[in-house]
Amino acid sequence: MPKRKRTIRQAIRNFASVPLSTMRRFANRSRRFMDAYRKGLSGRQAAWANSKYHGHRILPQDILAELDKASIT
């Protein structure tokens, strides 16, 4: 069996072993980080915003004001 087919088969098996809820949680978290970086936040600010707004799909527009208020640099 060619190495590529074996690799693809293994990847499919690995994806099948991860619960869908875990994949969705990771996707939402990644989306919030991407949104934070798009808004110009640093890594530390993005992590703070991500933990504060973990129930939201994206960060609010006034996130920069909240970061200033919380003294997160």
C-alpha atoms as a PDB file:
ATOM      1  CA  MET A   1       0.000   0.000   0.000  1.00  0.00           C
ATOM      2  CA  PRO A   2       1.423   3.416  -0.920  1.00  0.00           C
ATOM      3  CA  LYS A   3       2.467   5.624   1.952  1.00  0.00           C
ATOM      4  CA  ARG A   4       0.030   8.386   0.968  1.00  0.00           C
ATOM      5  CA  LYS A   5      -3.016   6.105   1.128  1.00  0.00           C
ATOM      6  CA  ARG A   6      -1.876   4.769   4.473  1.00  0.00           C
ATOM      7  CA  THR A   7      -1.454   8.304   5.800  1.00  0.00           C
ATOM      8  CA  ILE A   8      -4.903   9.344   4.591  1.00  0.00           C
ATOM      9  CA  ARG A   9      -6.484   6.252   6.106  1.00  0.00           C
ATOM     10  CA  GLN A  10      -4.733   6.936   9.426  1.00  0.00           C
ATOM     11  CA  ALA A  11      -5.873  10.577   9.400  1.00  0.00           C
ATOM     12  CA  ILE A  12      -9.481   9.519   8.850  1.00  0.00           C
ATOM     13  CA  ARG A  13      -9.211   7.042  11.720  1.00  0.00           C
ATOM     14  CA  ASN A  14      -7.762   9.731  13.971  1.00  0.00           C
ATOM     15  CA  PHE A  15     -10.511  12.215  13.129  1.00  0.00           C
ATOM     16  CA  ALA A  16     -13.138   9.572  13.773  1.00  0.00           C
ATOM     17  CA  SER A  17     -11.735   9.005  17.257  1.00  0.00           C
ATOM     18  CA  VAL A  18     -12.210  12.652  18.310  1.00  0.00           C
ATOM     19  CA  PRO A  19     -15.712  13.566  19.530  1.00  0.00           C
ATOM     20  CA  LEU A  20     -17.547  16.130  17.424  1.00  0.00           C
ATOM     21  CA  SER A  21     -18.122  18.337  20.475  1.00  0.00           C
ATOM     22  CA  THR A  22     -14.357  18.592  20.988  1.00  0.00           C
ATOM     23  CA  MET A  23     -13.839  19.576  17.364  1.00  0.00           C
ATOM     24  CA  ARG A  24     -16.524  22.250  17.636  1.00  0.00           C
ATOM     25  CA  ARG A  25     -15.050  23.613  20.859  1.00  0.00           C
ATOM     26  CA  PHE A  26     -11.613  23.849  19.261  1.00  0.00           C
ATOM     27  CA  ALA A  27     -13.053  25.500  16.144  1.00  0.00           C
ATOM     28  CA  ASN A  28     -14.909  28.119  18.197  1.00  0.00           C
ATOM     29  CA  ARG A  29     -11.834  28.855  20.290  1.00  0.00           C
ATOM     30  CA  SER A  30      -9.705  29.188  17.181  1.00  0.00           C
ATOM     31  CA  ARG A  31     -12.289  31.492  15.618  1.00  0.00           C
ATOM     32  CA  ARG A  32     -12.204  33.776  18.668  1.00  0.00           C
ATOM     33  CA  PHE A  33      -8.401  33.939  18.546  1.00  0.00           C
ATOM     34  CA  MET A  34      -8.475  34.761  14.832  1.00  0.00           C
ATOM     35  CA  ASP A  35     -11.046  37.477  15.494  1.00  0.00           C
ATOM     36  CA  ALA A  36      -8.881  38.899  18.280  1.00  0.00           C
ATOM     37  CA  TYR A  37      -5.784  39.013  16.078  1.00  0.00           C
ATOM     38  CA  ARG A  38      -7.826  40.609  13.293  1.00  0.00           C
ATOM     39  CA  LYS A  39      -8.814  43.339  15.743  1.00  0.00           C
ATOM     40  CA  GLY A  40      -5.154  43.980  16.561  1.00  0.00           C
ATOM     41  CA  LEU A  41      -4.886  42.309  19.965  1.00  0.00           C
ATOM     42  CA  SER A  42      -1.624  40.844  21.207  1.00  0.00           C
ATOM     43  CA  GLY A  43      -1.328  37.220  22.268  1.00  0.00           C
ATOM     44  CA  ARG A  44      -1.865  38.015  25.936  1.00  0.00           C
ATOM     45  CA  GLN A  45      -4.842  40.237  25.175  1.00  0.00           C
ATOM     46  CA  ALA A  46      -6.317  37.588  22.890  1.00  0.00           C
ATOM     47  CA  ALA A  47      -5.989  34.946  25.603  1.00  0.00           C
ATOM     48  CA  TRP A  48      -7.703  37.216  28.150  1.00  0.00           C
ATOM     49  CA  ALA A  49     -10.516  38.068  25.752  1.00  0.00           C
ATOM     50  CA  ASN A  50     -10.894  34.428  24.784  1.00  0.00           C
ATOM     51  CA  SER A  51     -11.344  33.349  28.383  1.00  0.00           C
ATOM     52  CA  LYS A  52     -13.713  36.223  29.169  1.00  0.00           C
ATOM     53  CA  TYR A  53     -15.915  35.650  26.120  1.00  0.00           C
ATOM     54  CA  HIS A  54     -15.725  31.865  25.914  1.00  0.00           C
ATOM     55  CA  GLY A  55     -19.470  31.591  25.327  1.00  0.00           C
ATOM     56  CA  HIS A  56     -19.414  33.833  22.268  1.00  0.00           C
ATOM     57  CA  ARG A  57     -18.426  33.047  18.707  1.00  0.00           C
ATOM     58  CA  ILE A  58     -16.683  36.361  18.127  1.00  0.00           C
ATOM     59  CA  LEU A  59     -15.437  39.141  20.350  1.00  0.00           C
ATOM     60  CA  PRO A  60     -17.464  42.339  20.815  1.00  0.00           C
ATOM     61  CA  GLN A  61     -16.522  45.486  18.920  1.00  0.00           C
ATOM     62  CA  ASP A  62     -15.658  47.391  22.100  1.00  0.00           C
ATOM     63  CA  ILE A  63     -13.086  44.821  23.235  1.00  0.00           C
ATOM     64  CA  LEU A  64     -10.243  47.354  23.090  1.00  0.00           C
ATOM     65  CA  ALA A  65     -12.043  49.605  25.573  1.00  0.00           C
ATOM     66  CA  GLU A  66     -12.560  46.654  27.907  1.00  0.00           C
ATOM     67  CA  LEU A  67      -8.883  45.746  27.675  1.00  0.00           C
ATOM     68  CA  ASP A  68      -7.928  49.297  28.638  1.00  0.00           C
ATOM     69  CA  LYS A  69     -10.401  49.201  31.515  1.00  0.00           C
ATOM     70  CA  ALA A  70      -8.951  45.892  32.752  1.00  0.00           C
ATOM     71  CA  SER A  71      -5.360  47.139  32.234  1.00  0.00           C
ATOM     72  CA  ILE A  72      -4.451  44.214  29.993  1.00  0.00           C
ATOM     73  CA  THR A  73      -1.517  45.095  27.743  1.00  0.00           C
END
